[in-house]
Amino acid sequence: VPQTLHEWVKKAEVDSGKRAGVPTEVADKVKALEREVRELRQANEILRKASAYFAQAELDRPFRR
């Protein structure tokens, strides 16, 4: 329990600017942005693969006038 209390005090000091470190609000924002970047990269990869698939399907289609 003393260790937990010490961590809370340190966090409060960082958040209030009395101690050097990354404030909780900033750390939470960074975490959310990292999650968003990861999701967007996954979506881009899916779109890239779908685009390649449909482009290939178009090339494989018999030519019609």
C-alpha atoms as a PDB file:
ATOM      1  CA  VAL A   1       0.000   0.000   0.000  1.00  0.00           C
ATOM      2  CA  PRO A   2       2.782   2.538   0.729  1.00  0.00           C
ATOM      3  CA  GLN A   3       4.188   1.949  -2.783  1.00  0.00           C
ATOM      4  CA  THR A   4       0.760   2.613  -4.340  1.00  0.00           C
ATOM      5  CA  LEU A   5       0.355   5.811  -2.330  1.00  0.00           C
ATOM      6  CA  HIS A   6       3.851   6.919  -3.370  1.00  0.00           C
ATOM      7  CA  GLU A   7       2.977   6.330  -7.058  1.00  0.00           C
ATOM      8  CA  TRP A   8      -0.230   8.361  -6.682  1.00  0.00           C
ATOM      9  CA  VAL A   9       1.686  11.239  -5.092  1.00  0.00           C
ATOM     10  CA  LYS A  10       4.300  11.151  -7.874  1.00  0.00           C
ATOM     11  CA  LYS A  11       1.557  11.154 -10.516  1.00  0.00           C
ATOM     12  CA  ALA A  12      -0.196  14.081  -8.827  1.00  0.00           C
ATOM     13  CA  GLU A  13       3.092  16.010  -8.689  1.00  0.00           C
ATOM     14  CA  VAL A  14       3.756  15.373 -12.387  1.00  0.00           C
ATOM     15  CA  ASP A  15       0.192  16.351 -13.304  1.00  0.00           C
ATOM     16  CA  SER A  16       0.449  19.575 -11.289  1.00  0.00           C
ATOM     17  CA  GLY A  17       3.856  20.463 -12.768  1.00  0.00           C
ATOM     18  CA  LYS A  18       5.787  20.086  -9.510  1.00  0.00           C
ATOM     19  CA  ARG A  19       7.754  17.112 -10.853  1.00  0.00           C
ATOM     20  CA  ALA A  20       9.213  16.412 -14.292  1.00  0.00           C
ATOM     21  CA  GLY A  21       7.423  13.816 -16.368  1.00  0.00           C
ATOM     22  CA  VAL A  22       4.571  13.236 -18.789  1.00  0.00           C
ATOM     23  CA  PRO A  23       1.202  14.346 -17.380  1.00  0.00           C
ATOM     24  CA  THR A  24      -1.585  11.758 -17.333  1.00  0.00           C
ATOM     25  CA  GLU A  25      -3.665  13.729 -19.835  1.00  0.00           C
ATOM     26  CA  VAL A  26      -0.795  13.806 -22.345  1.00  0.00           C
ATOM     27  CA  ALA A  27      -0.007  10.108 -21.851  1.00  0.00           C
ATOM     28  CA  ASP A  28      -3.680   9.211 -22.408  1.00  0.00           C
ATOM     29  CA  LYS A  29      -3.819  11.344 -25.573  1.00  0.00           C
ATOM     30  CA  VAL A  30      -0.643   9.731 -26.956  1.00  0.00           C
ATOM     31  CA  LYS A  31      -2.068   6.274 -26.239  1.00  0.00           C
ATOM     32  CA  ALA A  32      -5.325   7.139 -28.043  1.00  0.00           C
ATOM     33  CA  LEU A  33      -3.456   8.568 -31.036  1.00  0.00           C
ATOM     34  CA  GLU A  34      -1.211   5.499 -31.256  1.00  0.00           C
ATOM     35  CA  ARG A  35      -4.322   3.296 -31.280  1.00  0.00           C
ATOM     36  CA  GLU A  36      -5.877   5.449 -34.023  1.00  0.00           C
ATOM     37  CA  VAL A  37      -2.698   5.279 -36.131  1.00  0.00           C
ATOM     38  CA  ARG A  38      -2.627   1.479 -35.763  1.00  0.00           C
ATOM     39  CA  GLU A  39      -6.295   1.230 -36.861  1.00  0.00           C
ATOM     40  CA  LEU A  40      -5.757   3.559 -39.809  1.00  0.00           C
ATOM     41  CA  ARG A  41      -2.712   1.586 -40.952  1.00  0.00           C
ATOM     42  CA  GLN A  42      -4.769  -1.618 -40.819  1.00  0.00           C
ATOM     43  CA  ALA A  43      -7.567   0.034 -42.811  1.00  0.00           C
ATOM     44  CA  ASN A  44      -5.060   1.310 -45.395  1.00  0.00           C
ATOM     45  CA  GLU A  45      -3.591  -2.171 -45.769  1.00  0.00           C
ATOM     46  CA  ILE A  46      -7.070  -3.649 -46.324  1.00  0.00           C
ATOM     47  CA  LEU A  47      -7.858  -0.956 -48.912  1.00  0.00           C
ATOM     48  CA  ARG A  48      -4.503  -1.501 -50.644  1.00  0.00           C
ATOM     49  CA  LYS A  49      -5.173  -5.244 -50.918  1.00  0.00           C
ATOM     50  CA  ALA A  50      -8.741  -4.711 -52.117  1.00  0.00           C
ATOM     51  CA  SER A  51      -7.554  -2.220 -54.729  1.00  0.00           C
ATOM     52  CA  ALA A  52      -4.922  -4.655 -56.007  1.00  0.00           C
ATOM     53  CA  TYR A  53      -7.476  -7.473 -56.093  1.00  0.00           C
ATOM     54  CA  PHE A  54     -10.011  -5.464 -58.114  1.00  0.00           C
ATOM     55  CA  ALA A  55      -7.323  -4.071 -60.427  1.00  0.00           C
ATOM     56  CA  GLN A  56      -6.171  -7.622 -61.171  1.00  0.00           C
ATOM     57  CA  ALA A  57      -9.756  -8.768 -61.698  1.00  0.00           C
ATOM     58  CA  GLU A  58     -10.221  -5.945 -64.201  1.00  0.00           C
ATOM     59  CA  LEU A  59      -7.061  -7.003 -66.079  1.00  0.00           C
ATOM     60  CA  ASP A  60      -8.202 -10.640 -66.143  1.00  0.00           C
ATOM     61  CA  ARG A  61     -11.588  -9.699 -67.616  1.00  0.00           C
ATOM     62  CA  PRO A  62     -11.989 -10.396 -71.353  1.00  0.00           C
ATOM     63  CA  PHE A  63     -11.857  -7.239 -73.495  1.00  0.00           C
ATOM     64  CA  ARG A  64     -15.214  -6.155 -74.954  1.00  0.00           C
ATOM     65  CA  ARG A  65     -15.908  -3.429 -77.476  1.00  0.00           C
END
